[in-house]
Protein backbone atom coordinates (compact mmCIF):
# COMPACT_ATOMS: atom_id res chain seq x y z
CA MET A 1 -158.76 -30.21 -78.29
CA PRO A 2 -158.36 -33.31 -76.08
CA ILE A 3 -159.43 -32.98 -72.48
CA ILE A 4 -156.91 -33.97 -69.85
CA SER A 5 -158.29 -36.74 -67.68
CA ARG A 6 -158.35 -36.77 -63.89
CA PRO A 7 -155.51 -38.50 -62.07
CA THR A 8 -155.72 -42.22 -61.67
CA ASP A 9 -155.93 -44.07 -58.38
CA ALA A 10 -152.21 -44.76 -58.73
CA ARG A 11 -151.62 -41.03 -58.16
CA ALA A 12 -154.11 -40.76 -55.30
CA ALA A 13 -151.77 -42.17 -52.68
CA PRO A 14 -148.99 -39.54 -53.06
CA TRP A 15 -151.24 -36.49 -52.63
CA GLN A 16 -152.93 -38.05 -49.60
CA LEU A 17 -149.51 -38.83 -48.15
CA TRP A 18 -148.36 -35.26 -48.77
CA LEU A 19 -151.55 -33.96 -47.19
CA GLY A 20 -151.01 -36.04 -44.05
CA LEU A 21 -147.34 -35.10 -43.77
CA GLY A 22 -148.15 -31.44 -44.35
CA VAL A 23 -150.81 -31.38 -41.64
CA GLY A 24 -148.43 -33.18 -39.28
CA LEU A 25 -145.61 -30.68 -39.86
CA LEU A 26 -147.99 -27.75 -39.40
CA ALA A 27 -149.17 -29.28 -36.11
CA VAL A 28 -145.55 -29.55 -34.95
CA ALA A 29 -144.87 -25.92 -35.91
CA TRP A 30 -148.04 -24.71 -34.15
CA LEU A 31 -147.47 -26.69 -30.96
CA LEU A 32 -143.73 -26.08 -30.54
CA PRO A 33 -143.63 -23.51 -27.68
CA VAL A 34 -140.74 -21.29 -28.79
CA ASN A 35 -140.66 -17.64 -29.89
CA VAL A 36 -138.02 -15.10 -30.83
CA LYS A 37 -138.84 -12.19 -28.50
CA SER A 38 -141.06 -13.78 -25.89
CA LEU A 39 -141.14 -16.74 -23.54
CA ASN A 40 -143.89 -19.32 -23.70
CA VAL A 41 -145.63 -20.42 -20.51
CA ALA A 42 -144.82 -24.04 -21.41
CA LEU A 43 -141.09 -23.23 -21.26
CA LEU A 44 -141.49 -21.65 -17.83
CA ARG A 45 -143.35 -24.70 -16.62
CA GLU A 46 -140.64 -26.99 -17.97
CA ALA A 47 -137.85 -24.82 -16.51
CA GLY A 48 -139.46 -24.96 -13.08
CA ARG A 49 -140.01 -28.71 -13.14
CA GLY A 50 -138.08 -30.41 -10.34
CA THR A 51 -136.76 -27.13 -8.87
CA PRO A 52 -137.60 -25.75 -5.39
CA SER A 53 -141.03 -24.17 -5.06
CA VAL A 54 -141.58 -20.84 -3.30
CA ALA A 55 -142.70 -22.60 -0.12
CA GLY A 56 -139.74 -24.97 -0.32
CA PHE A 57 -137.39 -22.02 -0.70
CA GLY A 58 -138.97 -20.45 2.39
CA ARG A 59 -138.35 -23.63 4.39
CA ASP A 60 -134.71 -23.60 3.28
CA LEU A 61 -134.35 -20.02 4.56
CA LEU A 62 -135.91 -20.96 7.88
CA GLU A 63 -133.45 -23.83 8.28
CA LEU A 64 -130.70 -21.20 7.97
CA ASP A 65 -132.32 -19.23 10.84
CA LYS A 66 -133.56 -16.45 8.55
CA PRO A 67 -137.22 -15.99 9.48
CA GLY A 68 -137.29 -12.42 8.11
CA PRO A 69 -136.70 -13.37 4.46
CA ALA A 70 -138.83 -16.48 4.98
CA ALA A 71 -141.78 -14.25 6.00
CA LEU A 72 -141.60 -12.34 2.71
CA VAL A 73 -141.28 -15.62 0.83
CA LEU A 74 -144.41 -16.85 2.65
CA ALA A 75 -146.33 -13.78 1.46
CA ALA A 76 -145.15 -14.50 -2.08
CA ALA A 77 -146.19 -18.16 -1.75
CA LYS A 78 -149.70 -17.07 -0.81
CA LYS A 79 -149.86 -14.71 -3.79
CA THR A 80 -148.78 -17.45 -6.20
CA GLY A 81 -151.19 -20.01 -4.75
CA ASP A 82 -148.40 -22.34 -3.63
CA THR A 83 -149.93 -25.45 -2.04
CA GLY A 84 -147.17 -25.49 0.56
CA ALA A 85 -147.91 -21.98 1.85
CA GLY A 86 -150.10 -23.23 4.71
CA ALA A 87 -147.47 -25.64 5.99
CA LEU A 88 -144.77 -22.94 5.72
CA GLU A 89 -146.89 -20.53 7.75
CA VAL A 90 -147.26 -23.10 10.53
CA ILE A 91 -143.51 -23.69 10.57
CA ILE A 92 -142.76 -19.96 10.75
CA ASP A 93 -145.26 -19.48 13.59
CA ASN A 94 -143.64 -22.31 15.56
CA PHE A 95 -140.21 -20.84 14.90
CA ALA A 96 -141.38 -17.40 16.11
CA ARG A 97 -142.69 -18.86 19.38
CA GLN A 98 -139.46 -20.74 20.03
CA HIS A 99 -137.09 -17.92 18.98
CA ARG A 100 -138.94 -14.78 19.92
CA GLU A 101 -135.74 -12.73 20.32
CA MET A 102 -134.70 -13.28 16.68
CA MET A 103 -137.90 -12.11 15.02
CA PRO A 104 -137.45 -8.29 15.19
CA TRP A 105 -134.17 -8.53 13.29
CA GLY A 106 -135.36 -11.24 10.89
CA GLY A 107 -132.64 -13.59 12.09
CA TRP A 108 -129.60 -13.78 14.29
CA ASP A 109 -126.51 -11.59 13.96
CA VAL A 110 -123.86 -12.14 16.60
CA ALA A 111 -122.70 -8.51 16.56
CA LEU A 112 -125.89 -6.56 15.98
CA GLU A 113 -127.90 -7.58 19.06
CA PRO A 114 -125.43 -6.27 21.68
CA LEU A 115 -125.00 -3.00 19.80
CA LEU A 116 -128.68 -2.23 19.62
CA ALA A 117 -129.83 -4.00 22.75
CA ASN A 118 -132.24 -1.73 24.54
CA ARG A 119 -135.31 -3.94 24.39
CA ASN A 120 -136.78 -5.85 27.27
CA ALA A 121 -138.18 -9.33 27.18
CA ALA A 122 -141.73 -8.05 26.86
CA ALA A 123 -140.93 -6.14 23.68
CA SER A 124 -142.79 -7.05 20.52
CA ALA A 125 -141.49 -10.08 18.64
CA ALA A 126 -142.83 -8.81 15.32
CA SER A 127 -140.46 -7.97 12.48
CA GLN A 128 -139.31 -4.35 12.64
CA PRO A 129 -137.66 -2.19 9.96
CA VAL A 130 -133.97 -1.87 10.75
CA LEU A 131 -133.99 1.94 10.68
CA LYS A 132 -136.61 2.00 13.41
CA PHE A 133 -133.83 0.85 15.74
CA MET A 134 -131.04 2.83 14.10
CA VAL A 135 -132.68 6.21 14.73
CA LEU A 136 -132.71 5.62 18.51
CA PRO A 137 -130.00 7.75 20.20
CA GLN A 138 -128.63 4.86 22.28
CA ALA A 139 -128.41 2.57 19.26
CA ARG A 140 -126.57 5.19 17.22
CA ASP A 141 -124.14 5.91 20.05
CA ASN A 142 -123.36 2.20 20.47
CA LEU A 143 -122.91 1.67 16.74
CA ARG A 144 -120.77 4.81 16.37
CA ARG A 145 -118.37 3.65 19.12
CA TYR A 146 -118.20 0.16 17.61
CA LEU A 147 -117.40 1.38 14.11
CA ALA A 148 -114.94 4.04 15.29
CA VAL A 149 -112.36 1.35 16.03
CA SER A 150 -112.86 -0.49 12.74
CA ARG A 151 -109.65 -1.15 10.81
CA LEU A 152 -111.40 -1.15 7.45
CA PRO A 153 -110.48 2.02 5.49
CA ALA A 154 -113.79 2.03 3.63
CA VAL A 155 -115.75 2.01 6.90
CA GLN A 156 -113.78 5.01 8.15
CA THR A 157 -114.35 6.82 4.84
CA LEU A 158 -118.10 6.25 5.10
CA LEU A 159 -118.11 7.60 8.67
CA LYS A 160 -116.33 10.76 7.49
CA THR A 161 -119.21 11.53 5.13
CA ALA A 162 -121.32 12.33 8.20
CA ALA A 163 -119.38 15.60 8.50
CA LEU A 164 -120.41 16.81 5.04
CA THR A 165 -122.96 19.60 4.97
CA THR A 166 -123.53 19.82 1.19
CA THR A 167 -126.67 17.72 1.12
CA GLN A 168 -129.70 18.31 -1.11
CA ARG A 169 -132.43 16.11 0.36
CA PHE A 170 -131.12 15.22 3.81
CA VAL A 171 -130.55 17.48 6.77
CA PRO A 172 -126.77 17.23 7.42
CA ALA A 173 -125.97 14.56 9.99
CA ASN A 174 -124.16 16.97 12.35
CA ARG A 175 -127.09 19.37 12.61
CA PRO A 176 -130.40 19.19 14.47
CA GLY A 177 -132.76 16.94 12.52
CA GLY A 178 -129.87 15.06 10.93
CA GLN A 179 -130.62 11.78 12.72
CA PRO A 180 -132.02 10.03 9.59
CA LEU A 181 -128.84 10.68 7.59
CA GLU A 182 -126.58 9.65 10.47
CA ALA A 183 -128.58 6.46 10.95
CA VAL A 184 -128.28 5.62 7.25
CA ILE A 185 -124.52 6.30 7.25
CA LEU A 186 -124.02 4.08 10.30
CA LEU A 187 -126.20 1.38 8.77
CA THR A 188 -124.21 1.46 5.51
CA ALA A 189 -120.90 1.33 7.36
CA TYR A 190 -122.08 -1.57 9.48
CA LEU A 191 -123.29 -3.48 6.41
CA TRP A 192 -119.77 -3.06 5.03
CA GLN A 193 -118.14 -4.02 8.32
CA THR A 194 -120.13 -7.25 8.51
CA GLU A 195 -119.57 -8.08 4.81
CA HIS A 196 -123.22 -7.91 3.85
CA LEU A 197 -122.54 -5.96 0.65
CA SER A 198 -121.61 -7.75 -2.56
CA ALA A 199 -118.10 -7.13 -3.87
CA PRO A 200 -119.18 -5.07 -6.92
CA LEU A 201 -121.46 -2.96 -4.75
CA GLN A 202 -118.64 -2.42 -2.25
CA ARG A 203 -116.36 -1.06 -4.96
CA GLU A 204 -118.95 1.43 -6.18
CA VAL A 205 -119.89 2.63 -2.69
CA ARG A 206 -116.25 3.03 -1.72
CA ALA A 207 -115.51 5.08 -4.85
CA LEU A 208 -118.45 7.41 -4.17
CA ALA A 209 -117.51 7.84 -0.51
CA GLU A 210 -113.88 8.65 -1.32
CA ARG A 211 -114.94 11.15 -3.99
CA ALA A 212 -117.40 12.80 -1.59
CA VAL A 213 -114.80 13.17 1.18
CA GLN A 214 -112.15 14.53 -1.21
CA SER A 215 -114.49 17.03 -2.90
CA GLY A 216 -116.53 17.96 0.13
CA GLN A 217 -119.68 17.35 -1.91
CA MET A 218 -122.10 14.55 -1.08
CA GLY A 219 -123.06 14.19 -4.75
CA GLU A 220 -124.31 10.81 -5.95
CA LEU A 221 -123.62 9.23 -2.58
CA GLU A 222 -126.65 11.04 -1.21
CA ASP A 223 -128.86 9.24 -3.74
CA PHE A 224 -127.50 5.92 -2.49
CA TYR A 225 -128.13 6.92 1.12
CA LEU A 226 -131.69 7.87 0.17
CA ASP A 227 -132.20 4.44 -1.42
CA ILE A 228 -130.87 2.71 1.73
CA LEU A 229 -133.25 4.85 3.78
CA THR A 230 -136.17 3.68 1.64
CA LEU A 231 -135.22 0.01 1.95
CA GLY A 232 -134.36 0.32 5.63
CA GLN A 233 -137.82 1.69 6.39
CA ARG A 234 -139.42 -1.43 4.91
CA LEU A 235 -137.05 -4.32 5.58
CA ASN A 236 -135.63 -5.72 8.79
CA TRP A 237 -131.90 -6.32 9.23
CA ILE A 238 -131.63 -9.81 7.71
CA GLN A 239 -134.05 -9.01 4.90
CA LEU A 240 -131.97 -6.01 3.89
CA ALA A 241 -128.68 -7.86 4.25
CA GLU A 242 -129.83 -10.80 2.11
CA LEU A 243 -131.06 -8.46 -0.61
CA LEU A 244 -127.81 -6.48 -0.75
CA ARG A 245 -125.78 -9.69 -0.99
CA THR A 246 -127.42 -10.34 -4.38
CA THR A 247 -127.18 -6.71 -5.57
CA GLY A 248 -124.31 -5.93 -7.90
CA SER A 249 -124.55 -2.18 -8.46
CA LEU A 250 -125.70 1.14 -7.08
CA GLY A 251 -128.19 1.35 -9.93
CA THR A 252 -129.90 -1.84 -8.78
CA VAL A 253 -130.18 -0.52 -5.22
CA GLY A 254 -131.84 2.59 -6.63
CA GLN A 255 -134.17 0.51 -8.78
CA PHE A 256 -135.24 -1.65 -5.84
CA ALA A 257 -135.86 1.40 -3.70
CA HIS A 258 -137.88 2.89 -6.54
CA LEU A 259 -139.91 -0.31 -6.91
CA THR A 260 -140.67 -0.45 -3.19
CA ARG A 261 -142.03 3.09 -3.40
CA MET A 262 -144.01 2.51 -6.59
CA ALA A 263 -145.33 -0.98 -5.87
CA PRO A 264 -145.09 -1.83 -2.16
CA GLU A 265 -147.89 -4.37 -2.55
CA HIS A 266 -145.63 -6.41 -4.86
CA LEU A 267 -142.57 -6.32 -2.58
CA PRO A 268 -142.88 -10.00 -1.54
CA ILE A 269 -142.93 -11.11 -5.20
CA ILE A 270 -140.01 -8.87 -6.18
CA TYR A 271 -137.94 -9.76 -3.11
CA THR A 272 -138.53 -13.50 -3.43
CA ALA A 273 -137.66 -13.47 -7.13
CA ALA A 274 -134.38 -11.65 -6.40
CA LEU A 275 -133.36 -14.19 -3.75
CA MET A 276 -134.41 -17.23 -5.79
CA ALA A 277 -132.61 -15.97 -8.92
CA LYS A 278 -129.62 -14.92 -6.76
CA SER A 279 -129.55 -11.71 -8.79
CA ALA A 280 -131.36 -8.58 -7.75
CA ASP A 281 -129.90 -6.85 -10.82
CA THR A 282 -131.70 -8.98 -13.42
CA VAL A 283 -134.99 -8.89 -11.50
CA ALA A 284 -134.91 -5.10 -11.11
CA HIS A 285 -134.01 -4.61 -14.78
CA TYR A 286 -136.88 -6.87 -15.86
CA LEU A 287 -139.42 -5.00 -13.75
CA ILE A 288 -138.20 -1.55 -14.77
CA THR A 289 -138.49 -2.65 -18.41
CA TYR A 290 -141.93 -4.31 -18.31
CA GLY A 291 -143.65 -2.66 -15.34
CA ARG A 292 -146.75 -4.26 -13.84
CA ARG A 293 -146.87 -6.82 -16.61
CA GLY A 294 -143.39 -7.86 -15.51
CA VAL A 295 -144.65 -8.37 -11.96
CA ASP A 296 -147.39 -10.65 -13.29
CA SER A 297 -144.80 -12.60 -15.28
CA LEU A 298 -142.57 -12.96 -12.21
CA GLN A 299 -145.53 -14.15 -10.16
CA LEU A 300 -146.34 -16.72 -12.82
CA ALA A 301 -142.72 -17.89 -12.91
CA LEU A 302 -142.66 -18.19 -9.12
CA SER A 303 -145.68 -20.46 -9.26
CA PHE A 304 -143.65 -22.90 -11.39
CA GLY A 305 -140.51 -22.89 -9.23
CA GLU A 306 -137.00 -21.52 -8.95
CA GLY A 307 -135.89 -22.68 -12.39
CA ALA A 308 -138.69 -20.74 -14.07
CA VAL A 309 -137.66 -17.53 -12.30
CA VAL A 310 -134.04 -17.97 -13.34
CA GLN A 311 -135.06 -18.65 -16.95
CA LEU A 312 -137.32 -15.59 -17.09
CA VAL A 313 -134.84 -13.05 -15.72
CA GLN A 314 -132.01 -14.48 -17.80
CA ARG A 315 -133.99 -14.20 -21.04
CA GLN A 316 -135.35 -10.70 -20.18
CA VAL A 317 -138.35 -11.13 -22.50
CA PRO A 318 -142.11 -10.89 -21.87
CA VAL A 319 -144.22 -13.99 -21.30
CA THR A 320 -146.79 -15.05 -23.86
CA SER A 321 -149.35 -17.79 -23.42
CA GLY A 322 -149.65 -20.50 -26.01
CA ALA A 323 -152.61 -20.54 -28.38
CA GLY A 324 -153.31 -24.16 -27.53
CA PRO A 325 -151.81 -27.25 -25.95
CA GLU A 326 -148.07 -27.77 -26.31
CA PHE A 327 -146.14 -30.98 -26.21
CA GLU A 328 -144.06 -31.66 -23.15
CA LEU A 329 -141.20 -33.10 -25.20
CA GLY A 330 -141.30 -30.02 -27.39
CA ALA A 331 -141.01 -27.75 -24.34
CA ALA A 332 -138.03 -29.69 -23.00
CA PHE A 333 -136.26 -29.55 -26.36
CA ALA A 334 -137.00 -25.83 -26.81
CA LEU A 335 -135.72 -25.05 -23.32
CA ARG A 336 -132.41 -26.83 -23.84
CA HIS A 337 -131.89 -25.85 -27.49
CA PRO A 338 -133.84 -22.63 -28.19
CA GLU A 339 -132.06 -21.82 -31.46
CA LEU A 340 -132.57 -25.30 -32.87
CA ALA A 341 -136.20 -25.27 -31.72
CA LEU A 342 -136.85 -21.99 -33.55
CA LEU A 343 -135.24 -23.38 -36.69
CA ALA A 344 -137.28 -26.57 -36.40
CA LYS A 345 -140.53 -24.64 -35.87
CA TYR A 346 -140.31 -22.51 -38.98
CA ALA A 347 -138.74 -25.27 -41.07
CA ALA A 348 -141.70 -27.47 -40.13
CA PHE A 349 -144.13 -24.75 -41.12
CA LEU A 350 -142.31 -24.19 -44.42
CA GLY A 351 -142.31 -27.91 -45.19
CA GLY A 352 -145.93 -28.31 -44.11
CA ILE A 353 -147.17 -25.49 -46.34
CA PHE A 354 -145.14 -26.82 -49.26
CA LEU A 355 -146.58 -30.32 -48.89
CA LEU A 356 -150.13 -28.98 -48.51
CA LEU A 357 -149.78 -26.92 -51.67
CA ARG A 358 -148.51 -29.92 -53.59
CA ALA A 359 -151.33 -32.06 -52.19
CA VAL A 360 -153.96 -29.49 -53.21
CA ASP A 361 -152.47 -29.02 -56.67
CA THR A 362 -152.09 -32.73 -57.32
CA GLY A 363 -155.23 -34.04 -55.68
CA LEU A 364 -157.78 -31.32 -56.43
CA PHE A 365 -156.43 -29.35 -59.38
CA PHE A 366 -154.38 -31.93 -61.23
CA THR A 367 -155.86 -30.87 -64.60
CA VAL A 368 -154.62 -27.30 -64.28
CA GLU A 369 -151.32 -28.35 -62.73
CA ALA A 370 -150.60 -30.79 -65.53
CA THR A 371 -151.46 -28.16 -68.09
CA LEU A 372 -149.25 -25.49 -66.53
CA ARG A 373 -146.30 -27.63 -65.47
CA SER A 374 -144.19 -26.66 -68.46
CA ALA A 375 -145.09 -22.99 -68.11
CA PHE A 376 -144.43 -22.62 -64.40
CA PRO A 377 -142.03 -24.93 -62.52
CA ARG A 378 -142.96 -26.89 -59.46
CA MET A 379 -140.62 -24.73 -57.41
CA SER A 380 -143.47 -22.19 -57.26
CA SER A 381 -144.93 -24.13 -54.32
CA GLY A 382 -141.70 -23.53 -52.44
CA LEU A 383 -141.86 -19.81 -53.16
CA ILE A 384 -145.44 -19.56 -51.94
CA ALA A 385 -144.51 -21.60 -48.87
CA LEU A 386 -141.71 -19.11 -48.13
CA ILE A 387 -144.12 -16.17 -48.38
CA LEU A 388 -146.71 -17.83 -46.14
CA THR A 389 -144.01 -18.85 -43.66
CA PHE A 390 -142.92 -15.22 -43.40
CA ILE A 391 -146.53 -14.17 -42.75
CA PHE A 392 -146.86 -16.91 -40.13
CA PHE A 393 -143.61 -15.74 -38.53
CA VAL A 394 -144.90 -12.16 -38.23
CA PHE A 395 -148.27 -13.17 -36.78
CA SER A 396 -146.89 -15.84 -34.44
CA GLU A 397 -144.41 -13.43 -32.81
CA PRO A 398 -146.63 -11.13 -30.72
CA PHE A 399 -143.73 -8.87 -29.65
CA LEU A 400 -141.81 -8.79 -32.94
CA LEU A 401 -143.32 -5.67 -34.52
CA LYS A 402 -144.82 -4.06 -31.43
CA ALA A 403 -142.81 -1.77 -29.22
CA ALA A 404 -143.20 -2.54 -25.54
CA PRO A 405 -145.52 -0.09 -23.79
CA VAL A 406 -144.00 2.46 -21.47
CA SER A 407 -143.33 0.75 -18.16
CA ASP A 408 -145.27 1.87 -15.10
CA TYR A 409 -142.00 1.91 -13.19
CA LYS A 410 -139.77 3.73 -15.69
CA ILE A 411 -139.93 7.26 -14.30
CA LYS A 412 -138.05 7.63 -11.05
CA LEU A 413 -139.59 9.86 -8.43
CA THR A 414 -137.71 12.83 -7.02
CA ILE A 415 -138.24 13.14 -3.27
CA PRO A 416 -137.46 16.68 -2.11
CA VAL A 417 -137.70 16.08 1.64
CA ILE A 418 -137.27 13.26 4.09
CA GLY A 419 -140.48 11.95 5.50
CA ALA A 420 -142.80 9.01 5.29
CA LEU A 421 -142.16 7.41 1.93
CA ALA A 422 -145.69 6.64 0.86
CA ALA A 423 -146.34 4.82 -2.35
CA PRO A 424 -147.84 7.08 -5.01
CA VAL A 425 -151.25 6.26 -6.30
CA THR A 426 -151.05 5.79 -10.05
CA SER A 427 -153.71 5.05 -12.57
CA ALA A 428 -151.46 4.08 -15.43
CA VAL A 429 -153.08 2.37 -18.34
CA THR A 430 -151.03 -0.31 -20.00
CA THR A 431 -151.46 -1.26 -23.61
CA PRO A 432 -151.76 -4.97 -24.19
CA THR A 433 -148.80 -6.28 -26.18
CA THR A 434 -150.08 -9.68 -27.21
CA MET A 435 -152.80 -10.67 -29.64
CA ASP A 436 -156.03 -11.46 -27.84
CA LEU A 437 -158.52 -14.13 -28.89
CA SER A 438 -160.68 -11.73 -30.93
CA THR A 439 -157.66 -10.65 -32.97
CA ILE A 440 -156.64 -14.23 -33.67
CA LEU A 441 -160.21 -15.13 -34.68
CA SER A 442 -160.45 -12.10 -36.99
CA ILE A 443 -157.18 -12.94 -38.72
CA THR A 444 -158.23 -16.57 -39.05
CA LEU A 445 -161.60 -15.54 -40.57
CA PHE A 446 -159.95 -13.26 -43.14
CA ALA A 447 -157.44 -15.98 -44.03
CA CYS A 448 -160.21 -18.56 -44.51
CA LEU A 449 -162.18 -16.18 -46.77
CA GLN A 450 -159.13 -15.69 -48.98
CA VAL A 451 -158.45 -19.42 -49.11
CA GLY A 452 -162.04 -19.87 -50.26
CA MET A 453 -161.57 -17.21 -52.96
CA TYR A 454 -158.34 -18.91 -54.07
CA VAL A 455 -160.15 -22.24 -54.43
CA ILE A 456 -163.01 -20.64 -56.40
CA CYS A 457 -160.54 -19.10 -58.84
CA LEU A 458 -158.75 -22.40 -59.39
CA LEU A 459 -162.05 -24.18 -59.93
CA LYS A 460 -162.99 -21.59 -62.55
CA ILE A 461 -159.67 -22.10 -64.39
CA ALA A 462 -160.17 -25.86 -64.28
CA GLU A 463 -163.74 -25.44 -65.60
CA ILE A 464 -162.56 -23.37 -68.58
CA ASP A 465 -159.73 -25.82 -69.30
CA ARG A 466 -162.16 -28.78 -69.38
CA GLN A 467 -164.36 -27.24 -72.04
CA ALA A 468 -163.90 -28.60 -75.59
CA LEU A 469 -163.13 -25.19 -77.12
CA VAL A 470 -160.35 -23.76 -79.18
CA ALA A 471 -157.56 -21.86 -77.47
CA THR A 472 -158.80 -18.41 -78.59
CA ALA A 473 -162.22 -19.06 -77.09
CA LYS A 474 -160.69 -20.16 -73.78
CA LEU A 475 -158.53 -17.06 -73.81
CA ARG A 476 -161.62 -14.86 -74.18
CA LEU A 477 -163.29 -16.73 -71.32
CA MET A 478 -160.22 -16.17 -69.10
CA GLU A 479 -160.31 -12.45 -69.86
CA ASN A 480 -164.01 -12.42 -69.00
CA GLU A 481 -163.18 -13.74 -65.51
CA GLU A 482 -160.66 -10.99 -64.65
CA ASN A 483 -163.02 -9.49 -62.08
CA LEU A 484 -163.31 -12.87 -60.39
CA PHE A 485 -159.53 -13.26 -60.33
CA ASP A 486 -159.31 -9.82 -58.67
CA GLY A 487 -161.95 -10.85 -56.14
CA GLY A 488 -159.35 -11.40 -53.42
CA LEU A 489 -158.50 -7.69 -53.47
CA TYR A 490 -162.14 -6.66 -53.28
CA LEU A 491 -162.74 -9.09 -50.44
CA GLY A 492 -159.65 -7.88 -48.59
CA ILE A 493 -160.62 -4.22 -48.88
CA ALA A 494 -164.15 -5.01 -47.75
CA GLY A 495 -162.83 -6.92 -44.73
CA THR A 496 -160.53 -4.05 -43.73
CA ALA A 497 -163.26 -1.45 -44.13
CA THR A 498 -165.75 -3.55 -42.16
CA ALA A 499 -163.27 -4.12 -39.33
CA LEU A 500 -162.42 -0.41 -39.11
CA VAL A 501 -166.10 0.59 -39.07
CA LEU A 502 -166.87 -1.93 -36.33
CA GLN A 503 -163.92 -0.63 -34.31
CA VAL A 504 -165.09 2.96 -34.65
CA LEU A 505 -168.60 1.95 -33.56
CA GLY A 506 -167.14 0.11 -30.57
CA VAL A 507 -168.57 -3.25 -31.58
CA ILE A 508 -165.09 -4.83 -31.46
CA ASP A 509 -161.84 -3.78 -29.78
CA ALA A 510 -159.59 -1.46 -31.75
CA ASN A 511 -156.83 -3.46 -33.42
CA LEU A 512 -155.26 -2.31 -36.69
CA LEU A 513 -153.39 -5.58 -37.07
CA ALA A 514 -156.61 -7.53 -37.45
CA ALA A 515 -158.08 -4.96 -39.84
CA TYR A 516 -155.14 -4.66 -42.22
CA SER A 517 -154.47 -8.39 -42.24
CA SER A 518 -157.53 -8.69 -44.49
CA ASN A 519 -155.87 -6.44 -47.08
CA LEU A 520 -152.61 -8.36 -46.80
CA PHE A 521 -154.31 -11.71 -47.35
CA GLY A 522 -156.18 -10.27 -50.33
CA ILE A 523 -152.96 -9.11 -51.98
CA VAL A 524 -151.34 -12.51 -51.41
CA CYS A 525 -154.38 -14.34 -52.79
CA VAL A 526 -154.57 -12.29 -56.00
CA ALA A 527 -150.81 -12.55 -56.49
CA LEU A 528 -150.98 -16.33 -56.19
CA VAL A 529 -153.91 -16.64 -58.57
CA LYS A 530 -152.62 -14.33 -61.27
CA ILE A 531 -148.89 -15.07 -61.14
CA ARG A 532 -149.01 -18.76 -60.39
CA HIS A 533 -152.08 -19.78 -62.40
CA VAL A 534 -153.67 -17.18 -64.67
CA ARG A 535 -150.52 -15.84 -66.33
CA PRO A 536 -148.98 -19.24 -67.19
CA TYR A 537 -152.32 -20.58 -68.44
CA LYS A 538 -152.92 -17.54 -70.64
CA ARG A 539 -149.39 -17.89 -72.00
CA LYS A 540 -150.12 -21.51 -72.94
CA LEU A 541 -153.40 -20.52 -74.65
CA ILE A 542 -151.68 -17.73 -76.60
CA VAL A 543 -148.99 -20.13 -77.80
CA GLU A 544 -151.61 -22.69 -78.84
CA SER A 545 -153.70 -20.09 -80.70
CA LEU A 546 -150.67 -18.77 -82.58
CA GLY A 547 -149.66 -22.33 -83.43
CA ALA A 548 -153.16 -23.04 -84.75
CA VAL A 549 -153.05 -19.90 -86.97
CA ALA A 550 -149.63 -20.87 -88.31
CA THR A 551 -150.75 -24.37 -89.29
CA SER A 552 -154.00 -23.25 -90.92
């Protein structure tokens, strides 16, 4: 039987070209920073490019005479390592010395100062929680007289709720010890009077107040009052007013109050993100969903600028770091056209794998490929590329198959009595939701072992095909190598077993994904060898042997 010769130099150029194009497309797919259910750090960096930094945002607030919010923004700038934090702190200190009378309230309000004025010039100029003033008898009397003549029906309805005695967690406002509830009711009514509540929030508060007055039951309105109490004990007047301007629902107010109780140390980050995104609703929803990991993501976004914060809370997905360097142009394209970028990423991987397979078949195993071409069409490379692209898709999407861990901030606390709202001490353990370096290395090792086994099998087929033997003898040799062709399965099982044993012994971190990937790669390897190469080659040998018997 004639032996098929190796390809000529005239055929060398195409497989080298395909190899280069395939590697280039795979590099594009690997470096393009776009994912389905997560946000790459490169996209955050690109989104924040050219937008105000945290320190810059703080300076803007100070120019609007709002030192209270600017102070929280300064704390956030220090946490994020903003290079402008030092300069912002100097500016705020100078502002505080020049406008000492504005600092307790966090800014100037033309109506609030006369109503609550009972401080002398020597009083502290430090920021003070607004409810610290509201609970003073003189302040409440002044505010009650001021609001009594309000022509706004909603304000009058809110004031009527002070007469309700069907409270669960507050002492009724008209009884001894009811000062906290009365102060919260007056504060809420004054926020309405001065138009510091957003329009959607106004509608919800008004509906609850009217229902409470008509039914004589405080109901859900008491929960809202409790949330205002929580925020009012931590924020000064302007800080609270600015936050409520960006809050669109009662649920968001409750979520922010819950977050301030659960994570008071992160209040500057949470507050600054809400103001920069101009949406407390999206920030609160993100943090309630992702917990402490969400706070870390917000802090990272703040370090890149306002645009990064907006992008993060709009997408409502976790942040994942890239496995390597990304291109800047790729990040800009993915940010502006995320759907097209995703399509381009996986199309590039599909095309790259296809070209690599053709390059390997043509350049290294041309003898076998030429022999089997009539038995198995070239389209098989496309099918294998589709399978490998699917595997790449699963492994490159860290949040695709994993459910997000239970958020640290999901469960809302029930506070039975009014008192100091101390933050609970929690020791929650969060489960990492992205593949760490050891997992990636394990998967890469298992994949490389199976690629090596695949190459060994193809070399063995090529060796048998080159021998000057009759077809029946080659067929017997192929059958003799069945154990070798099944070697991918044995190797995969061994890799899985080894990984599980090492995890049990504590040598490596527990990760079932890394362990079972070895089995998966083994199945794919054996399927490729037997379906794509062994079966067609055996079919050819059987046909040749039958033809030889017929002609003899």
